């Protein structure tokens, strides 16, 4: 199994390869978020990553990534942001730490959080456009391993919705259900 940091580029390609153009206003499994809103969220996270991995604080970065970071070219903005993020992850010190809204945390924890977001939001975006995503199996396993003890321990209230019951044997279904999504979610028929 690859390390969490090594999984970030492959997991990000799942998002990059999704056919999102022209579907920006479609709802997603993230209540109240459209495809554009969700891609904006992911893009902003990956614009932040190089700063944090270089040791900058939240205060130093400020609010430069608040609001709309996609502009007129959402897919292009995502590609540019993820390219910079992947490069920064490739140079990151796996034994280091980063400053986040939760204080200083190990780079490995930050990588796990970013991988969870990439993996689960790839599922959200794919489902929003009516696709069954082909998620990276190792990323799904790493996300489950990271989030299961946190959810069971009550550590993630407010970050994700409450877990949804599922009897599915699919590891993808188990992951999305753990993080508050109905694995059967589909966009409303148009």
C-alpha atoms as a PDB file:
ATOM      1  CA  UNK A   1       0.000   0.000   0.000  1.00  0.00           C
ATOM      2  CA  UNK A   2       1.252   3.474  -0.892  1.00  0.00           C
ATOM      3  CA  UNK A   3       1.776   6.132   1.734  1.00  0.00           C
ATOM      4  CA  UNK A   4      -0.983   8.681   2.147  1.00  0.00           C
ATOM      5  CA  UNK A   5       1.140  11.427   0.568  1.00  0.00           C
ATOM      6  CA  UNK A   6       1.892   9.180  -2.417  1.00  0.00           C
ATOM      7  CA  UNK A   7      -1.852   8.625  -2.931  1.00  0.00           C
ATOM      8  CA  UNK A   8      -2.715  12.326  -3.269  1.00  0.00           C
ATOM      9  CA  UNK A   9      -1.685  12.706  -6.957  1.00  0.00           C
ATOM     10  CA  UNK A  10      -3.620   9.624  -8.068  1.00  0.00           C
ATOM     11  CA  UNK A  11      -6.678  10.568  -5.986  1.00  0.00           C
ATOM     12  CA  UNK A  12      -6.607  14.078  -7.447  1.00  0.00           C
ATOM     13  CA  UNK A  13      -6.654  12.699 -10.996  1.00  0.00           C
ATOM     14  CA  UNK A  14     -10.069  11.182 -10.275  1.00  0.00           C
ATOM     15  CA  UNK A  15     -11.417  14.713  -9.738  1.00  0.00           C
ATOM     16  CA  UNK A  16      -9.490  16.133 -12.707  1.00  0.00           C
ATOM     17  CA  UNK A  17     -10.847  13.475 -15.057  1.00  0.00           C
ATOM     18  CA  UNK A  18     -14.520  14.052 -14.189  1.00  0.00           C
ATOM     19  CA  UNK A  19     -16.597  15.658 -16.985  1.00  0.00           C
ATOM     20  CA  UNK A  20     -17.821  18.657 -14.989  1.00  0.00           C
ATOM     21  CA  UNK A  21     -17.876  21.400 -17.655  1.00  0.00           C
ATOM     22  CA  UNK A  22     -21.355  22.771 -18.172  1.00  0.00           C
ATOM     23  CA  UNK A  23     -22.690  21.042 -15.056  1.00  0.00           C
ATOM     24  CA  UNK A  24     -21.688  23.662 -12.497  1.00  0.00           C
ATOM     25  CA  UNK A  25     -25.174  24.270 -11.067  1.00  0.00           C
ATOM     26  CA  UNK A  26     -26.061  20.606 -10.498  1.00  0.00           C
ATOM     27  CA  UNK A  27     -26.697  19.620  -6.855  1.00  0.00           C
ATOM     28  CA  UNK A  28     -24.261  17.317  -5.093  1.00  0.00           C
ATOM     29  CA  UNK A  29     -24.670  14.893  -2.191  1.00  0.00           C
ATOM     30  CA  UNK A  30     -23.191  17.703  -0.044  1.00  0.00           C
ATOM     31  CA  UNK A  31     -26.407  19.377   1.038  1.00  0.00           C
ATOM     32  CA  UNK A  32     -26.701  22.898  -0.335  1.00  0.00           C
ATOM     33  CA  UNK A  33     -23.572  22.652  -2.518  1.00  0.00           C
ATOM     34  CA  UNK A  34     -23.532  22.659  -6.297  1.00  0.00           C
ATOM     35  CA  UNK A  35     -20.819  21.094  -8.435  1.00  0.00           C
ATOM     36  CA  UNK A  36     -19.196  24.528  -8.708  1.00  0.00           C
ATOM     37  CA  UNK A  37     -19.378  25.113  -4.937  1.00  0.00           C
ATOM     38  CA  UNK A  38     -17.746  21.766  -4.250  1.00  0.00           C
ATOM     39  CA  UNK A  39     -14.996  22.222  -6.841  1.00  0.00           C
ATOM     40  CA  UNK A  40     -14.381  25.707  -5.422  1.00  0.00           C
ATOM     41  CA  UNK A  41     -13.963  24.163  -1.961  1.00  0.00           C
ATOM     42  CA  UNK A  42     -11.459  21.572  -3.224  1.00  0.00           C
ATOM     43  CA  UNK A  43      -9.582  24.154  -5.283  1.00  0.00           C
ATOM     44  CA  UNK A  44      -9.235  26.525  -2.326  1.00  0.00           C
ATOM     45  CA  UNK A  45      -7.949  23.686  -0.126  1.00  0.00           C
ATOM     46  CA  UNK A  46      -5.270  22.860  -2.660  1.00  0.00           C
ATOM     47  CA  UNK A  47      -4.310  26.512  -3.106  1.00  0.00           C
ATOM     48  CA  UNK A  48      -3.686  26.588   0.663  1.00  0.00           C
ATOM     49  CA  UNK A  49      -1.625  23.384   0.772  1.00  0.00           C
ATOM     50  CA  UNK A  50       1.670  24.718  -0.665  1.00  0.00           C
ATOM     51  CA  UNK A  51       1.660  27.598   1.844  1.00  0.00           C
ATOM     52  CA  UNK A  52       0.988  25.365   4.833  1.00  0.00           C
ATOM     53  CA  UNK A  53       3.502  22.743   3.714  1.00  0.00           C
ATOM     54  CA  UNK A  54       6.143  25.501   3.488  1.00  0.00           C
ATOM     55  CA  UNK A  55       5.451  26.364   7.128  1.00  0.00           C
ATOM     56  CA  UNK A  56       3.244  29.410   6.717  1.00  0.00           C
ATOM     57  CA  UNK A  57       0.480  30.035   9.238  1.00  0.00           C
ATOM     58  CA  UNK A  58      -3.179  30.659   8.490  1.00  0.00           C
ATOM     59  CA  UNK A  59      -2.667  34.281   9.475  1.00  0.00           C
ATOM     60  CA  UNK A  60       0.197  34.687   7.012  1.00  0.00           C
ATOM     61  CA  UNK A  61      -1.899  33.339   4.146  1.00  0.00           C
ATOM     62  CA  UNK A  62      -4.861  35.450   5.212  1.00  0.00           C
ATOM     63  CA  UNK A  63      -8.083  35.468   3.243  1.00  0.00           C
ATOM     64  CA  UNK A  64      -6.595  35.350  -0.262  1.00  0.00           C
ATOM     65  CA  UNK A  65      -8.490  32.113  -1.017  1.00  0.00           C
ATOM     66  CA  UNK A  66     -11.830  33.168   0.439  1.00  0.00           C
ATOM     67  CA  UNK A  67     -14.798  33.296  -1.893  1.00  0.00           C
ATOM     68  CA  UNK A  68     -14.723  32.284  -5.540  1.00  0.00           C
ATOM     69  CA  UNK A  69     -11.326  30.943  -6.583  1.00  0.00           C
ATOM     70  CA  UNK A  70     -12.588  29.381  -9.835  1.00  0.00           C
ATOM     71  CA  UNK A  71     -13.294  32.494 -11.891  1.00  0.00           C
ATOM     72  CA  UNK A  72     -14.322  32.037 -15.522  1.00  0.00           C
ATOM     73  CA  UNK A  73     -12.374  28.788 -15.962  1.00  0.00           C
ATOM     74  CA  UNK A  74     -13.328  26.410 -13.120  1.00  0.00           C
ATOM     75  CA  UNK A  75     -11.621  23.330 -14.592  1.00  0.00           C
ATOM     76  CA  UNK A  76      -8.469  25.323 -15.360  1.00  0.00           C
ATOM     77  CA  UNK A  77      -8.414  26.827 -11.864  1.00  0.00           C
ATOM     78  CA  UNK A  78      -8.673  23.314 -10.398  1.00  0.00           C
ATOM     79  CA  UNK A  79      -5.865  21.981 -12.623  1.00  0.00           C
ATOM     80  CA  UNK A  80      -3.552  24.848 -11.682  1.00  0.00           C
ATOM     81  CA  UNK A  81      -4.308  24.513  -7.956  1.00  0.00           C
ATOM     82  CA  UNK A  82      -3.846  20.744  -7.870  1.00  0.00           C
ATOM     83  CA  UNK A  83      -0.610  20.957  -9.874  1.00  0.00           C
ATOM     84  CA  UNK A  84       0.873  23.296  -7.263  1.00  0.00           C
ATOM     85  CA  UNK A  85      -0.467  21.194  -4.419  1.00  0.00           C
ATOM     86  CA  UNK A  86       0.878  17.908  -5.812  1.00  0.00           C
ATOM     87  CA  UNK A  87       4.287  19.525  -6.309  1.00  0.00           C
ATOM     88  CA  UNK A  88       4.260  20.788  -2.704  1.00  0.00           C
ATOM     89  CA  UNK A  89       3.233  17.364  -1.393  1.00  0.00           C
ATOM     90  CA  UNK A  90       6.105  15.811  -3.311  1.00  0.00           C
ATOM     91  CA  UNK A  91       8.509  18.106  -1.448  1.00  0.00           C
ATOM     92  CA  UNK A  92       6.808  17.862   1.954  1.00  0.00           C
ATOM     93  CA  UNK A  93       8.633  16.563   4.997  1.00  0.00           C
ATOM     94  CA  UNK A  94       6.560  13.539   6.071  1.00  0.00           C
ATOM     95  CA  UNK A  95       7.856  13.968   9.628  1.00  0.00           C
ATOM     96  CA  UNK A  96       7.001  17.675   9.734  1.00  0.00           C
ATOM     97  CA  UNK A  97       3.953  19.556  10.941  1.00  0.00           C
ATOM     98  CA  UNK A  98       1.619  22.170   9.513  1.00  0.00           C
ATOM     99  CA  UNK A  99      -0.451  24.956  11.002  1.00  0.00           C
ATOM    100  CA  UNK A 100      -4.187  24.402  10.456  1.00  0.00           C
ATOM    101  CA  UNK A 101      -7.422  25.668  11.944  1.00  0.00           C
ATOM    102  CA  UNK A 102      -6.994  22.843  14.493  1.00  0.00           C
ATOM    103  CA  UNK A 103      -3.525  24.094  15.461  1.00  0.00           C
ATOM    104  CA  UNK A 104      -0.223  22.401  14.616  1.00  0.00           C
ATOM    105  CA  UNK A 105      -0.771  18.881  13.320  1.00  0.00           C
ATOM    106  CA  UNK A 106       1.567  16.304  11.783  1.00  0.00           C
ATOM    107  CA  UNK A 107       1.979  16.459   7.998  1.00  0.00           C
ATOM    108  CA  UNK A 108       0.750  12.855   7.875  1.00  0.00           C
ATOM    109  CA  UNK A 109      -2.561  13.858   9.512  1.00  0.00           C
ATOM    110  CA  UNK A 110      -2.916  16.789   7.122  1.00  0.00           C
ATOM    111  CA  UNK A 111      -2.238  14.433   4.203  1.00  0.00           C
ATOM    112  CA  UNK A 112      -4.878  12.018   5.491  1.00  0.00           C
ATOM    113  CA  UNK A 113      -7.428  14.820   5.778  1.00  0.00           C
ATOM    114  CA  UNK A 114      -6.664  16.047   2.270  1.00  0.00           C
ATOM    115  CA  UNK A 115      -6.868  12.494   0.889  1.00  0.00           C
ATOM    116  CA  UNK A 116     -10.228  11.924   2.586  1.00  0.00           C
ATOM    117  CA  UNK A 117     -11.562  15.154   1.075  1.00  0.00           C
ATOM    118  CA  UNK A 118     -10.250  14.314  -2.402  1.00  0.00           C
ATOM    119  CA  UNK A 119     -11.673  10.801  -2.290  1.00  0.00           C
ATOM    120  CA  UNK A 120     -15.083  11.569  -0.830  1.00  0.00           C
ATOM    121  CA  UNK A 121     -15.600  14.722  -2.870  1.00  0.00           C
ATOM    122  CA  UNK A 122     -14.600  12.859  -6.050  1.00  0.00           C
ATOM    123  CA  UNK A 123     -17.486  10.536  -5.236  1.00  0.00           C
ATOM    124  CA  UNK A 124     -19.776  13.525  -4.566  1.00  0.00           C
ATOM    125  CA  UNK A 125     -18.873  15.204  -7.857  1.00  0.00           C
ATOM    126  CA  UNK A 126     -19.159  12.012  -9.889  1.00  0.00           C
ATOM    127  CA  UNK A 127     -22.562  11.221  -8.433  1.00  0.00           C
ATOM    128  CA  UNK A 128     -23.696  14.812  -9.090  1.00  0.00           C
ATOM    129  CA  UNK A 129     -23.060  14.327 -12.806  1.00  0.00           C
ATOM    130  CA  UNK A 130     -24.637  10.872 -12.809  1.00  0.00           C
ATOM    131  CA  UNK A 131     -21.487   8.733 -12.792  1.00  0.00           C
ATOM    132  CA  UNK A 132     -20.220   5.898 -10.622  1.00  0.00           C
ATOM    133  CA  UNK A 133     -16.693   7.038  -9.839  1.00  0.00           C
ATOM    134  CA  UNK A 134     -13.686   4.769 -10.099  1.00  0.00           C
ATOM    135  CA  UNK A 135     -11.978   5.790  -6.870  1.00  0.00           C
ATOM    136  CA  UNK A 136      -8.438   4.778  -5.991  1.00  0.00           C
ATOM    137  CA  UNK A 137      -8.817   1.605  -3.909  1.00  0.00           C
ATOM    138  CA  UNK A 138      -5.822   2.379  -1.670  1.00  0.00           C
ATOM    139  CA  UNK A 139      -7.159   5.905  -1.101  1.00  0.00           C
ATOM    140  CA  UNK A 140     -10.535   4.488  -0.044  1.00  0.00           C
ATOM    141  CA  UNK A 141      -8.807   2.115   2.393  1.00  0.00           C
ATOM    142  CA  UNK A 142      -6.593   4.888   3.785  1.00  0.00           C
ATOM    143  CA  UNK A 143      -9.608   7.187   4.200  1.00  0.00           C
ATOM    144  CA  UNK A 144     -11.574   4.481   6.013  1.00  0.00           C
ATOM    145  CA  UNK A 145      -8.618   3.710   8.275  1.00  0.00           C
ATOM    146  CA  UNK A 146      -8.243   7.402   9.145  1.00  0.00           C
ATOM    147  CA  UNK A 147     -11.904   8.352   9.561  1.00  0.00           C
ATOM    148  CA  UNK A 148     -13.456   5.264  11.196  1.00  0.00           C
ATOM    149  CA  UNK A 149     -11.773   5.764  14.597  1.00  0.00           C
ATOM    150  CA  UNK A 150     -12.411   9.518  14.416  1.00  0.00           C
ATOM    151  CA  UNK A 151     -16.111   9.098  13.626  1.00  0.00           C
ATOM    152  CA  UNK A 152     -16.511   6.326  16.204  1.00  0.00           C
ATOM    153  CA  UNK A 153     -14.793   8.575  18.750  1.00  0.00           C
ATOM    154  CA  UNK A 154     -17.051  11.540  17.957  1.00  0.00           C
ATOM    155  CA  UNK A 155     -14.152  13.669  16.688  1.00  0.00           C
ATOM    156  CA  UNK A 156     -15.673  14.983  13.467  1.00  0.00           C
ATOM    157  CA  UNK A 157     -19.018  16.611  14.319  1.00  0.00           C
ATOM    158  CA  UNK A 158     -19.782  19.445  11.933  1.00  0.00           C
ATOM    159  CA  UNK A 159     -17.195  18.358   9.380  1.00  0.00           C
ATOM    160  CA  UNK A 160     -19.321  15.611   7.884  1.00  0.00           C
ATOM    161  CA  UNK A 161     -22.958  14.653   8.297  1.00  0.00           C
ATOM    162  CA  UNK A 162     -23.838  11.832  10.683  1.00  0.00           C
ATOM    163  CA  UNK A 163     -23.057   8.339   9.372  1.00  0.00           C
ATOM    164  CA  UNK A 164     -25.699   6.649   7.232  1.00  0.00           C
ATOM    165  CA  UNK A 165     -26.499   2.977   7.777  1.00  0.00           C
ATOM    166  CA  UNK A 166     -25.481   0.653   4.951  1.00  0.00           C
ATOM    167  CA  UNK A 167     -25.246  -3.089   4.612  1.00  0.00           C
ATOM    168  CA  UNK A 168     -23.209  -2.786   1.419  1.00  0.00           C
ATOM    169  CA  UNK A 169     -19.968  -4.725   1.222  1.00  0.00           C
ATOM    170  CA  UNK A 170     -18.486  -2.095  -1.105  1.00  0.00           C
ATOM    171  CA  UNK A 171     -15.638  -0.252   0.616  1.00  0.00           C
ATOM    172  CA  UNK A 172     -16.594   2.904  -1.304  1.00  0.00           C
ATOM    173  CA  UNK A 173     -20.186   2.646  -0.048  1.00  0.00           C
ATOM    174  CA  UNK A 174     -18.898   2.063   3.484  1.00  0.00           C
ATOM    175  CA  UNK A 175     -16.685   5.150   3.292  1.00  0.00           C
ATOM    176  CA  UNK A 176     -19.325   7.506   1.953  1.00  0.00           C
ATOM    177  CA  UNK A 177     -21.918   6.176   4.405  1.00  0.00           C
ATOM    178  CA  UNK A 178     -19.465   6.642   7.291  1.00  0.00           C
ATOM    179  CA  UNK A 179     -19.132  10.278   6.226  1.00  0.00           C
ATOM    180  CA  UNK A 180     -22.856  10.959   6.011  1.00  0.00           C
ATOM    181  CA  UNK A 181     -23.731  10.134   2.428  1.00  0.00           C
ATOM    182  CA  UNK A 182     -26.356   7.728   1.170  1.00  0.00           C
ATOM    183  CA  UNK A 183     -24.428   5.401  -1.172  1.00  0.00           C
ATOM    184  CA  UNK A 184     -27.557   5.215  -3.363  1.00  0.00           C
ATOM    185  CA  UNK A 185     -27.711   9.013  -3.840  1.00  0.00           C
ATOM    186  CA  UNK A 186     -28.392  10.023  -7.425  1.00  0.00           C
ATOM    187  CA  UNK A 187     -29.225  13.376  -8.983  1.00  0.00           C
ATOM    188  CA  UNK A 188     -32.884  14.107  -9.503  1.00  0.00           C
ATOM    189  CA  UNK A 189     -34.141  13.232 -12.957  1.00  0.00           C
ATOM    190  CA  UNK A 190     -34.262  16.277 -15.197  1.00  0.00           C
END
